[in-house]
Amino acid sequence: MTASRDADLESLSIGDDANSPVAVLKMFIYNSARSPDAIFAELKRIAVSRELDERSKIRVLLEAYLLSPNETAKTVATTKLEECLPVLKCYCIDKQSQIMLLNGLEELAGTTDKRLLPLTGHMLKTLYEGDVCEEDNIIDWYNAPVEASMNPDKEAVSKVKAKAKVIVEWLLEAEEESSEED
């Protein structure tokens, strides 16, 4: 276990946060090696026991895996997100769950940890290249009106989508090139 993870776990054992769904999942993930299926099963168990809706469930997963006061934004958006991909694949089984993940990422980068905002495009590309989110679903999420977002901070949603523009344009260009080849 890395020093950063040790510090994360130590900070969880102090204060009122120790029983939060995020803290419980983080402890489960980092106390010993866990398979993606086991982590996803624990997330489902926490969701049932705490009566979490889908929005809350994805927030718990993203925050437990990605957020750490001891990590730089770049580390979160690269290394930690890549570590999380196998579990996200368990979660993202259809369009609805992929859109929910993108909404969760939108809230994470736009509201919860604004340090991640400039890295939104990179995180989306990682989700796409890691076969977690399909191209069409990223584009549909991007094209959805800001008002349709589940995030109550509509200004934050606009900022996230502005940062996502480059990756969406890249996806659209790649789509156009592949349709021209056909």
N, C-alpha and C. Protein backbone atom coordinates (compact mmCIF):
# COMPACT_ATOMS: atom_id res chain seq x y z
N MET A 1 0.85 -1.17 0.00
CA MET A 1 0.00 0.00 0.00
C MET A 1 0.89 1.23 0.00
N THR A 2 0.53 2.22 -0.78
CA THR A 2 1.36 3.41 -0.89
C THR A 2 1.18 4.30 0.33
N ALA A 3 2.12 5.21 0.53
CA ALA A 3 2.04 6.15 1.65
C ALA A 3 0.80 7.01 1.52
N SER A 4 0.46 7.39 0.28
CA SER A 4 -0.73 8.21 0.05
C SER A 4 -1.99 7.47 0.48
N ARG A 5 -2.09 6.20 0.14
CA ARG A 5 -3.26 5.42 0.52
C ARG A 5 -3.30 5.22 2.03
N ASP A 6 -2.15 5.01 2.65
CA ASP A 6 -2.09 4.88 4.11
C ASP A 6 -2.63 6.15 4.76
N ALA A 7 -2.21 7.31 4.25
CA ALA A 7 -2.68 8.58 4.80
C ALA A 7 -4.19 8.74 4.59
N ASP A 8 -4.69 8.33 3.42
CA ASP A 8 -6.13 8.39 3.17
C ASP A 8 -6.89 7.56 4.18
N LEU A 9 -6.43 6.32 4.41
CA LEU A 9 -7.10 5.43 5.35
C LEU A 9 -7.02 5.96 6.77
N GLU A 10 -5.87 6.50 7.15
CA GLU A 10 -5.71 7.05 8.48
C GLU A 10 -6.68 8.20 8.71
N SER A 11 -6.84 9.06 7.70
CA SER A 11 -7.74 10.20 7.84
C SER A 11 -9.20 9.76 7.93
N LEU A 12 -9.52 8.60 7.37
CA LEU A 12 -10.89 8.11 7.43
C LEU A 12 -11.28 7.62 8.81
N SER A 13 -10.32 7.18 9.59
CA SER A 13 -10.64 6.62 10.88
C SER A 13 -10.89 7.69 11.95
N ILE A 14 -10.70 8.93 11.60
CA ILE A 14 -10.88 10.03 12.54
C ILE A 14 -12.06 10.86 12.09
N GLY A 15 -12.92 11.24 13.03
CA GLY A 15 -14.01 12.16 12.72
C GLY A 15 -15.29 11.45 12.35
N ASP A 16 -16.28 12.26 11.97
CA ASP A 16 -17.62 11.77 11.69
C ASP A 16 -17.74 11.06 10.34
N ASP A 17 -16.77 11.23 9.46
CA ASP A 17 -16.83 10.66 8.13
C ASP A 17 -16.60 9.16 8.07
N ALA A 18 -16.12 8.55 9.13
CA ALA A 18 -15.70 7.15 9.09
C ALA A 18 -16.80 6.20 8.67
N ASN A 19 -18.06 6.54 8.88
CA ASN A 19 -19.16 5.65 8.50
C ASN A 19 -19.89 6.11 7.25
N SER A 20 -19.38 7.12 6.58
CA SER A 20 -20.02 7.56 5.35
C SER A 20 -19.87 6.47 4.28
N PRO A 21 -20.78 6.43 3.32
CA PRO A 21 -20.64 5.42 2.26
C PRO A 21 -19.30 5.50 1.53
N VAL A 22 -18.79 6.71 1.32
CA VAL A 22 -17.50 6.88 0.65
C VAL A 22 -16.39 6.27 1.50
N ALA A 23 -16.39 6.56 2.79
CA ALA A 23 -15.35 6.04 3.69
C ALA A 23 -15.41 4.52 3.77
N VAL A 24 -16.62 3.97 3.85
CA VAL A 24 -16.77 2.52 3.95
C VAL A 24 -16.23 1.85 2.69
N LEU A 25 -16.57 2.38 1.52
CA LEU A 25 -16.09 1.78 0.28
C LEU A 25 -14.58 1.97 0.14
N LYS A 26 -14.07 3.13 0.50
CA LYS A 26 -12.63 3.38 0.41
C LYS A 26 -11.87 2.39 1.30
N MET A 27 -12.37 2.16 2.50
CA MET A 27 -11.73 1.20 3.40
C MET A 27 -11.74 -0.20 2.77
N PHE A 28 -12.86 -0.56 2.18
CA PHE A 28 -12.98 -1.88 1.54
C PHE A 28 -11.98 -2.01 0.40
N ILE A 29 -11.86 -0.98 -0.41
CA ILE A 29 -10.97 -1.02 -1.58
C ILE A 29 -9.52 -1.13 -1.16
N TYR A 30 -9.11 -0.33 -0.19
CA TYR A 30 -7.68 -0.19 0.10
C TYR A 30 -7.16 -1.06 1.24
N ASN A 31 -8.02 -1.74 1.97
CA ASN A 31 -7.52 -2.58 3.05
C ASN A 31 -6.85 -3.85 2.56
N SER A 32 -7.22 -4.33 1.41
CA SER A 32 -6.54 -5.47 0.79
C SER A 32 -6.92 -5.51 -0.69
N ALA A 33 -6.18 -6.30 -1.44
CA ALA A 33 -6.45 -6.38 -2.88
C ALA A 33 -7.86 -6.94 -3.09
N ARG A 34 -8.61 -6.24 -3.89
CA ARG A 34 -9.99 -6.63 -4.19
C ARG A 34 -10.18 -6.70 -5.69
N SER A 35 -10.97 -7.66 -6.13
CA SER A 35 -11.28 -7.75 -7.54
C SER A 35 -12.33 -6.69 -7.89
N PRO A 36 -12.38 -6.30 -9.17
CA PRO A 36 -13.42 -5.33 -9.57
C PRO A 36 -14.83 -5.82 -9.23
N ASP A 37 -15.08 -7.12 -9.41
CA ASP A 37 -16.40 -7.66 -9.09
C ASP A 37 -16.71 -7.54 -7.60
N ALA A 38 -15.71 -7.78 -6.75
CA ALA A 38 -15.91 -7.67 -5.31
C ALA A 38 -16.17 -6.22 -4.91
N ILE A 39 -15.45 -5.29 -5.51
CA ILE A 39 -15.66 -3.87 -5.20
C ILE A 39 -17.04 -3.44 -5.65
N PHE A 40 -17.44 -3.88 -6.83
CA PHE A 40 -18.77 -3.51 -7.33
C PHE A 40 -19.86 -4.13 -6.45
N ALA A 41 -19.65 -5.36 -6.00
CA ALA A 41 -20.63 -6.00 -5.11
C ALA A 41 -20.73 -5.25 -3.78
N GLU A 42 -19.59 -4.79 -3.27
CA GLU A 42 -19.60 -4.00 -2.03
C GLU A 42 -20.33 -2.67 -2.25
N LEU A 43 -20.11 -2.05 -3.39
CA LEU A 43 -20.83 -0.82 -3.71
C LEU A 43 -22.33 -1.07 -3.72
N LYS A 44 -22.76 -2.15 -4.34
CA LYS A 44 -24.19 -2.48 -4.37
C LYS A 44 -24.72 -2.72 -2.96
N ARG A 45 -23.93 -3.40 -2.12
CA ARG A 45 -24.34 -3.67 -0.74
C ARG A 45 -24.52 -2.36 0.02
N ILE A 46 -23.56 -1.46 -0.14
CA ILE A 46 -23.64 -0.15 0.52
C ILE A 46 -24.86 0.61 0.01
N ALA A 47 -25.09 0.57 -1.29
CA ALA A 47 -26.22 1.28 -1.89
C ALA A 47 -27.55 0.78 -1.32
N VAL A 48 -27.67 -0.53 -1.16
CA VAL A 48 -28.91 -1.09 -0.61
C VAL A 48 -29.05 -0.73 0.86
N SER A 49 -27.97 -0.91 1.63
CA SER A 49 -28.06 -0.66 3.07
C SER A 49 -28.26 0.82 3.40
N ARG A 50 -27.77 1.70 2.54
CA ARG A 50 -27.90 3.14 2.78
C ARG A 50 -29.00 3.78 1.93
N GLU A 51 -29.71 2.94 1.17
CA GLU A 51 -30.80 3.40 0.31
C GLU A 51 -30.35 4.52 -0.64
N LEU A 52 -29.23 4.26 -1.33
CA LEU A 52 -28.67 5.23 -2.27
C LEU A 52 -29.32 5.08 -3.64
N ASP A 53 -29.63 6.19 -4.27
CA ASP A 53 -30.10 6.15 -5.64
C ASP A 53 -28.90 6.01 -6.58
N GLU A 54 -29.14 5.86 -7.87
CA GLU A 54 -28.06 5.64 -8.82
C GLU A 54 -27.07 6.80 -8.85
N ARG A 55 -27.58 8.01 -8.75
CA ARG A 55 -26.70 9.19 -8.75
C ARG A 55 -25.75 9.13 -7.56
N SER A 56 -26.29 8.81 -6.40
CA SER A 56 -25.45 8.73 -5.20
C SER A 56 -24.48 7.57 -5.29
N LYS A 57 -24.92 6.48 -5.86
CA LYS A 57 -24.06 5.30 -5.97
C LYS A 57 -22.81 5.59 -6.81
N ILE A 58 -22.98 6.24 -7.94
CA ILE A 58 -21.81 6.54 -8.78
C ILE A 58 -20.93 7.59 -8.12
N ARG A 59 -21.53 8.54 -7.41
CA ARG A 59 -20.73 9.53 -6.68
C ARG A 59 -19.88 8.85 -5.61
N VAL A 60 -20.46 7.89 -4.90
CA VAL A 60 -19.70 7.16 -3.87
C VAL A 60 -18.52 6.44 -4.52
N LEU A 61 -18.77 5.76 -5.63
CA LEU A 61 -17.70 5.04 -6.30
C LEU A 61 -16.59 5.98 -6.77
N LEU A 62 -16.96 7.05 -7.43
CA LEU A 62 -15.96 7.99 -7.93
C LEU A 62 -15.18 8.65 -6.79
N GLU A 63 -15.88 9.08 -5.77
CA GLU A 63 -15.20 9.74 -4.66
C GLU A 63 -14.30 8.77 -3.89
N ALA A 64 -14.77 7.54 -3.68
CA ALA A 64 -13.96 6.57 -2.94
C ALA A 64 -12.68 6.23 -3.70
N TYR A 65 -12.81 6.07 -5.00
CA TYR A 65 -11.65 5.69 -5.80
C TYR A 65 -10.74 6.86 -6.13
N LEU A 66 -11.31 8.00 -6.43
CA LEU A 66 -10.53 9.08 -7.03
C LEU A 66 -10.12 10.19 -6.08
N LEU A 67 -10.95 10.54 -5.13
CA LEU A 67 -10.65 11.72 -4.33
C LEU A 67 -9.71 11.42 -3.19
N SER A 68 -8.69 12.23 -3.12
CA SER A 68 -7.70 12.11 -2.06
C SER A 68 -7.02 13.46 -1.91
N PRO A 69 -6.98 13.98 -0.70
CA PRO A 69 -6.30 15.26 -0.51
C PRO A 69 -4.79 15.15 -0.74
N ASN A 70 -4.30 13.93 -0.76
CA ASN A 70 -2.86 13.71 -0.89
C ASN A 70 -2.41 13.49 -2.34
N GLU A 71 -3.32 13.54 -3.28
CA GLU A 71 -3.00 13.30 -4.68
C GLU A 71 -3.16 14.59 -5.48
N THR A 72 -2.32 14.75 -6.49
CA THR A 72 -2.48 15.89 -7.39
C THR A 72 -3.66 15.62 -8.32
N ALA A 73 -4.19 16.67 -8.89
CA ALA A 73 -5.29 16.52 -9.83
C ALA A 73 -4.87 15.65 -11.01
N LYS A 74 -3.64 15.83 -11.48
CA LYS A 74 -3.17 15.03 -12.61
C LYS A 74 -3.11 13.55 -12.25
N THR A 75 -2.67 13.21 -11.05
CA THR A 75 -2.63 11.81 -10.62
C THR A 75 -4.03 11.24 -10.55
N VAL A 76 -4.97 12.02 -10.03
CA VAL A 76 -6.36 11.56 -9.94
C VAL A 76 -6.91 11.29 -11.34
N ALA A 77 -6.67 12.22 -12.26
CA ALA A 77 -7.24 12.13 -13.61
C ALA A 77 -6.54 11.09 -14.47
N THR A 78 -5.38 10.64 -14.07
CA THR A 78 -4.65 9.66 -14.88
C THR A 78 -4.58 8.33 -14.14
N THR A 79 -3.64 8.21 -13.25
CA THR A 79 -3.36 6.94 -12.58
C THR A 79 -4.57 6.39 -11.83
N LYS A 80 -5.18 7.22 -10.99
CA LYS A 80 -6.29 6.72 -10.17
C LYS A 80 -7.50 6.38 -11.04
N LEU A 81 -7.78 7.17 -12.06
CA LEU A 81 -8.90 6.85 -12.95
C LEU A 81 -8.63 5.55 -13.69
N GLU A 82 -7.41 5.35 -14.15
CA GLU A 82 -7.06 4.11 -14.85
C GLU A 82 -7.20 2.90 -13.91
N GLU A 83 -6.84 3.06 -12.64
CA GLU A 83 -7.01 1.98 -11.67
C GLU A 83 -8.48 1.63 -11.48
N CYS A 84 -9.33 2.61 -11.64
CA CYS A 84 -10.77 2.45 -11.42
C CYS A 84 -11.51 1.86 -12.62
N LEU A 85 -10.88 1.84 -13.79
CA LEU A 85 -11.56 1.40 -15.01
C LEU A 85 -12.20 0.02 -14.90
N PRO A 86 -11.53 -0.99 -14.35
CA PRO A 86 -12.18 -2.31 -14.27
C PRO A 86 -13.48 -2.30 -13.47
N VAL A 87 -13.53 -1.51 -12.41
CA VAL A 87 -14.76 -1.42 -11.62
C VAL A 87 -15.82 -0.63 -12.39
N LEU A 88 -15.40 0.43 -13.06
CA LEU A 88 -16.35 1.20 -13.86
C LEU A 88 -16.95 0.36 -14.98
N LYS A 89 -16.17 -0.57 -15.52
CA LYS A 89 -16.70 -1.47 -16.55
C LYS A 89 -17.81 -2.35 -15.97
N CYS A 90 -17.70 -2.74 -14.71
CA CYS A 90 -18.76 -3.51 -14.06
C CYS A 90 -20.03 -2.68 -13.93
N TYR A 91 -19.86 -1.40 -13.69
CA TYR A 91 -21.00 -0.50 -13.51
C TYR A 91 -21.63 -0.11 -14.85
N CYS A 92 -20.83 0.18 -15.83
CA CYS A 92 -21.31 0.75 -17.11
C CYS A 92 -21.69 -0.34 -18.10
N ILE A 93 -22.84 -0.92 -17.88
CA ILE A 93 -23.27 -2.04 -18.72
C ILE A 93 -24.22 -1.62 -19.84
N ASP A 94 -24.71 -0.38 -19.79
CA ASP A 94 -25.65 0.07 -20.81
C ASP A 94 -25.56 1.59 -20.95
N LYS A 95 -26.34 2.13 -21.86
CA LYS A 95 -26.31 3.58 -22.11
C LYS A 95 -26.66 4.37 -20.85
N GLN A 96 -27.70 3.96 -20.16
CA GLN A 96 -28.14 4.69 -18.97
C GLN A 96 -27.04 4.77 -17.91
N SER A 97 -26.36 3.68 -17.67
CA SER A 97 -25.30 3.69 -16.65
C SER A 97 -24.09 4.49 -17.12
N GLN A 98 -23.81 4.49 -18.41
CA GLN A 98 -22.71 5.30 -18.93
C GLN A 98 -23.03 6.79 -18.80
N ILE A 99 -24.26 7.16 -19.10
CA ILE A 99 -24.67 8.57 -18.94
C ILE A 99 -24.61 8.95 -17.46
N MET A 100 -25.03 8.04 -16.59
CA MET A 100 -24.98 8.31 -15.15
C MET A 100 -23.53 8.53 -14.70
N LEU A 101 -22.61 7.71 -15.23
CA LEU A 101 -21.20 7.89 -14.91
C LEU A 101 -20.71 9.26 -15.40
N LEU A 102 -21.08 9.63 -16.61
CA LEU A 102 -20.66 10.93 -17.15
C LEU A 102 -21.24 12.08 -16.33
N ASN A 103 -22.47 11.92 -15.87
CA ASN A 103 -23.06 12.93 -14.98
C ASN A 103 -22.30 12.99 -13.66
N GLY A 104 -21.88 11.83 -13.16
CA GLY A 104 -21.10 11.80 -11.93
C GLY A 104 -19.76 12.46 -12.10
N LEU A 105 -19.12 12.21 -13.24
CA LEU A 105 -17.83 12.85 -13.54
C LEU A 105 -18.01 14.37 -13.67
N GLU A 106 -19.12 14.75 -14.28
CA GLU A 106 -19.46 16.17 -14.43
C GLU A 106 -19.56 16.83 -13.05
N GLU A 107 -20.22 16.17 -12.12
CA GLU A 107 -20.37 16.71 -10.78
C GLU A 107 -19.04 16.70 -10.02
N LEU A 108 -18.27 15.64 -10.21
CA LEU A 108 -16.98 15.53 -9.55
C LEU A 108 -16.05 16.67 -9.97
N ALA A 109 -15.90 16.87 -11.28
CA ALA A 109 -14.97 17.88 -11.80
C ALA A 109 -15.53 19.29 -11.70
N GLY A 110 -16.83 19.43 -11.74
CA GLY A 110 -17.43 20.76 -11.74
C GLY A 110 -17.78 21.30 -10.37
N THR A 111 -17.98 20.40 -9.41
CA THR A 111 -18.46 20.83 -8.10
C THR A 111 -17.62 20.29 -6.95
N THR A 112 -17.43 18.97 -6.92
CA THR A 112 -16.79 18.33 -5.77
C THR A 112 -15.30 18.62 -5.67
N ASP A 113 -14.59 18.48 -6.79
CA ASP A 113 -13.14 18.73 -6.80
C ASP A 113 -12.79 19.51 -8.05
N LYS A 114 -12.89 20.80 -7.97
CA LYS A 114 -12.70 21.67 -9.13
C LYS A 114 -11.29 21.63 -9.70
N ARG A 115 -10.35 21.05 -8.96
CA ARG A 115 -8.99 20.88 -9.50
C ARG A 115 -9.02 20.00 -10.75
N LEU A 116 -10.05 19.15 -10.85
CA LEU A 116 -10.15 18.22 -11.96
C LEU A 116 -10.73 18.85 -13.22
N LEU A 117 -11.34 20.02 -13.09
CA LEU A 117 -12.00 20.65 -14.23
C LEU A 117 -11.12 20.76 -15.47
N PRO A 118 -9.89 21.25 -15.38
CA PRO A 118 -9.06 21.36 -16.59
C PRO A 118 -8.72 20.00 -17.21
N LEU A 119 -8.89 18.92 -16.46
CA LEU A 119 -8.53 17.59 -16.94
C LEU A 119 -9.75 16.79 -17.41
N THR A 120 -10.89 17.46 -17.54
CA THR A 120 -12.13 16.79 -17.95
C THR A 120 -11.97 16.05 -19.27
N GLY A 121 -11.40 16.69 -20.27
CA GLY A 121 -11.22 16.05 -21.57
C GLY A 121 -10.36 14.81 -21.48
N HIS A 122 -9.30 14.89 -20.71
CA HIS A 122 -8.42 13.73 -20.54
C HIS A 122 -9.17 12.58 -19.86
N MET A 123 -9.97 12.89 -18.85
CA MET A 123 -10.71 11.84 -18.17
C MET A 123 -11.73 11.19 -19.10
N LEU A 124 -12.40 11.99 -19.93
CA LEU A 124 -13.35 11.43 -20.89
C LEU A 124 -12.64 10.53 -21.90
N LYS A 125 -11.49 10.97 -22.36
CA LYS A 125 -10.71 10.15 -23.30
C LYS A 125 -10.30 8.83 -22.66
N THR A 126 -9.92 8.87 -21.39
CA THR A 126 -9.56 7.65 -20.66
C THR A 126 -10.76 6.70 -20.58
N LEU A 127 -11.94 7.24 -20.29
CA LEU A 127 -13.14 6.40 -20.22
C LEU A 127 -13.48 5.81 -21.58
N TYR A 128 -13.27 6.58 -22.64
CA TYR A 128 -13.53 6.08 -23.99
C TYR A 128 -12.50 5.02 -24.39
N GLU A 129 -11.23 5.34 -24.25
CA GLU A 129 -10.18 4.39 -24.65
C GLU A 129 -10.13 3.16 -23.75
N GLY A 130 -10.64 3.29 -22.52
CA GLY A 130 -10.69 2.16 -21.61
C GLY A 130 -11.94 1.31 -21.79
N ASP A 131 -12.71 1.60 -22.83
CA ASP A 131 -13.94 0.86 -23.15
C ASP A 131 -14.97 0.88 -22.02
N VAL A 132 -15.03 2.01 -21.33
CA VAL A 132 -16.03 2.18 -20.28
C VAL A 132 -17.24 2.91 -20.85
N CYS A 133 -17.00 3.97 -21.63
CA CYS A 133 -18.07 4.75 -22.23
C CYS A 133 -17.94 4.73 -23.75
N GLU A 134 -19.05 4.48 -24.41
CA GLU A 134 -19.07 4.46 -25.86
C GLU A 134 -19.12 5.89 -26.40
N GLU A 135 -18.56 6.04 -27.58
CA GLU A 135 -18.49 7.33 -28.27
C GLU A 135 -19.84 8.02 -28.34
N ASP A 136 -20.87 7.30 -28.78
CA ASP A 136 -22.20 7.90 -28.93
C ASP A 136 -22.75 8.40 -27.61
N ASN A 137 -22.47 7.70 -26.52
CA ASN A 137 -22.98 8.10 -25.22
C ASN A 137 -22.26 9.34 -24.69
N ILE A 138 -20.97 9.45 -24.97
CA ILE A 138 -20.25 10.67 -24.58
C ILE A 138 -20.81 11.86 -25.36
N ILE A 139 -21.04 11.67 -26.63
CA ILE A 139 -21.58 12.74 -27.47
C ILE A 139 -23.00 13.11 -27.02
N ASP A 140 -23.83 12.10 -26.73
CA ASP A 140 -25.20 12.38 -26.26
C ASP A 140 -25.18 13.14 -24.94
N TRP A 141 -24.29 12.72 -24.01
CA TRP A 141 -24.17 13.43 -22.73
C TRP A 141 -23.78 14.89 -22.98
N TYR A 142 -22.80 15.08 -23.85
CA TYR A 142 -22.30 16.43 -24.14
C TYR A 142 -23.39 17.30 -24.75
N ASN A 143 -24.18 16.72 -25.66
CA ASN A 143 -25.21 17.48 -26.38
C ASN A 143 -26.48 17.72 -25.56
N ALA A 144 -26.63 17.03 -24.44
CA ALA A 144 -27.82 17.23 -23.60
C ALA A 144 -27.80 18.65 -23.04
N PRO A 145 -28.95 19.29 -22.98
CA PRO A 145 -28.99 20.66 -22.45
C PRO A 145 -28.49 20.71 -21.00
N VAL A 146 -27.83 21.79 -20.67
CA VAL A 146 -27.32 21.98 -19.31
C VAL A 146 -28.44 21.84 -18.29
N GLU A 147 -29.61 22.33 -18.64
CA GLU A 147 -30.76 22.27 -17.73
C GLU A 147 -31.18 20.84 -17.41
N ALA A 148 -30.85 19.90 -18.28
CA ALA A 148 -31.22 18.50 -18.08
C ALA A 148 -30.29 17.78 -17.11
N SER A 149 -29.19 18.41 -16.76
CA SER A 149 -28.23 17.78 -15.85
C SER A 149 -28.83 17.59 -14.47
N MET A 150 -28.42 16.51 -13.82
CA MET A 150 -28.85 16.25 -12.45
C MET A 150 -28.09 17.13 -11.45
N ASN A 151 -27.00 17.72 -11.89
CA ASN A 151 -26.20 18.58 -11.04
C ASN A 151 -26.94 19.91 -10.88
N PRO A 152 -27.24 20.32 -9.65
CA PRO A 152 -27.96 21.57 -9.46
C PRO A 152 -27.14 22.82 -9.83
N ASP A 153 -25.83 22.68 -9.89
CA ASP A 153 -24.96 23.82 -10.23
C ASP A 153 -24.79 23.87 -11.75
N LYS A 154 -25.71 24.56 -12.41
CA LYS A 154 -25.72 24.59 -13.88
C LYS A 154 -24.50 25.32 -14.45
N GLU A 155 -23.96 26.28 -13.72
CA GLU A 155 -22.75 26.96 -14.17
C GLU A 155 -21.58 25.97 -14.21
N ALA A 156 -21.50 25.11 -13.21
CA ALA A 156 -20.45 24.10 -13.18
C ALA A 156 -20.61 23.13 -14.35
N VAL A 157 -21.84 22.76 -14.66
CA VAL A 157 -22.10 21.86 -15.79
C VAL A 157 -21.60 22.50 -17.08
N SER A 158 -21.88 23.77 -17.27
CA SER A 158 -21.42 24.49 -18.47
C SER A 158 -19.90 24.49 -18.56
N LYS A 159 -19.24 24.70 -17.44
CA LYS A 159 -17.78 24.70 -17.43
C LYS A 159 -17.21 23.33 -17.77
N VAL A 160 -17.80 22.27 -17.22
CA VAL A 160 -17.33 20.92 -17.53
C VAL A 160 -17.52 20.62 -19.01
N LYS A 161 -18.67 20.95 -19.53
CA LYS A 161 -18.92 20.67 -20.94
C LYS A 161 -18.01 21.49 -21.85
N ALA A 162 -17.67 22.70 -21.42
CA ALA A 162 -16.72 23.50 -22.21
C ALA A 162 -15.36 22.80 -22.25
N LYS A 163 -14.96 22.22 -21.14
CA LYS A 163 -13.67 21.50 -21.09
C LYS A 163 -13.75 20.18 -21.86
N ALA A 164 -14.95 19.64 -22.02
CA ALA A 164 -15.14 18.39 -22.74
C ALA A 164 -15.20 18.58 -24.25
N LYS A 165 -15.33 19.81 -24.70
CA LYS A 165 -15.54 20.11 -26.12
C LYS A 165 -14.45 19.51 -27.01
N VAL A 166 -13.20 19.61 -26.60
CA VAL A 166 -12.08 19.13 -27.43
C VAL A 166 -12.20 17.62 -27.68
N ILE A 167 -12.49 16.85 -26.65
CA ILE A 167 -12.58 15.39 -26.82
C ILE A 167 -13.82 15.04 -27.64
N VAL A 168 -14.90 15.76 -27.46
CA VAL A 168 -16.11 15.49 -28.24
C VAL A 168 -15.86 15.80 -29.71
N GLU A 169 -15.19 16.90 -30.00
CA GLU A 169 -14.85 17.21 -31.39
C GLU A 169 -13.94 16.14 -31.97
N TRP A 170 -12.99 15.66 -31.18
CA TRP A 170 -12.10 14.58 -31.63
C TRP A 170 -12.91 13.32 -31.96
N LEU A 171 -13.87 12.98 -31.10
CA LEU A 171 -14.72 11.81 -31.35
C LEU A 171 -15.55 12.00 -32.62
N LEU A 172 -16.10 13.18 -32.81
CA LEU A 172 -16.90 13.46 -34.00
C LEU A 172 -16.07 13.39 -35.28
N GLU A 173 -14.85 13.91 -35.22
CA GLU A 173 -13.96 13.85 -36.38
C GLU A 173 -13.61 12.39 -36.71
N ALA A 174 -13.33 11.61 -35.69
CA ALA A 174 -12.99 10.21 -35.91
C ALA A 174 -14.20 9.47 -36.51
N GLU A 175 -15.38 9.81 -36.06
CA GLU A 175 -16.60 9.20 -36.57
C GLU A 175 -16.80 9.56 -38.05
N GLU A 176 -16.57 10.83 -38.40
CA GLU A 176 -16.70 11.28 -39.77
C GLU A 176 -15.69 10.58 -40.68
N GLU A 177 -14.45 10.45 -40.20
CA GLU A 177 -13.41 9.79 -40.98
C GLU A 177 -13.73 8.32 -41.23
N SER A 178 -14.28 7.65 -40.21
CA SER A 178 -14.59 6.24 -40.39
C SER A 178 -15.79 6.05 -41.31
N SER A 179 -16.75 6.99 -41.29
CA SER A 179 -17.90 6.87 -42.20
C SER A 179 -17.52 7.20 -43.63
N GLU A 180 -16.51 8.06 -43.80
CA GLU A 180 -16.00 8.38 -45.16
C GLU A 180 -15.27 7.18 -45.75
N GLU A 181 -14.61 6.39 -44.90
CA GLU A 181 -13.90 5.22 -45.36
C GLU A 181 -14.85 4.11 -45.81
N ASP A 182 -16.06 4.10 -45.22
CA ASP A 182 -17.04 3.08 -45.60
C ASP A 182 -17.65 3.40 -46.90
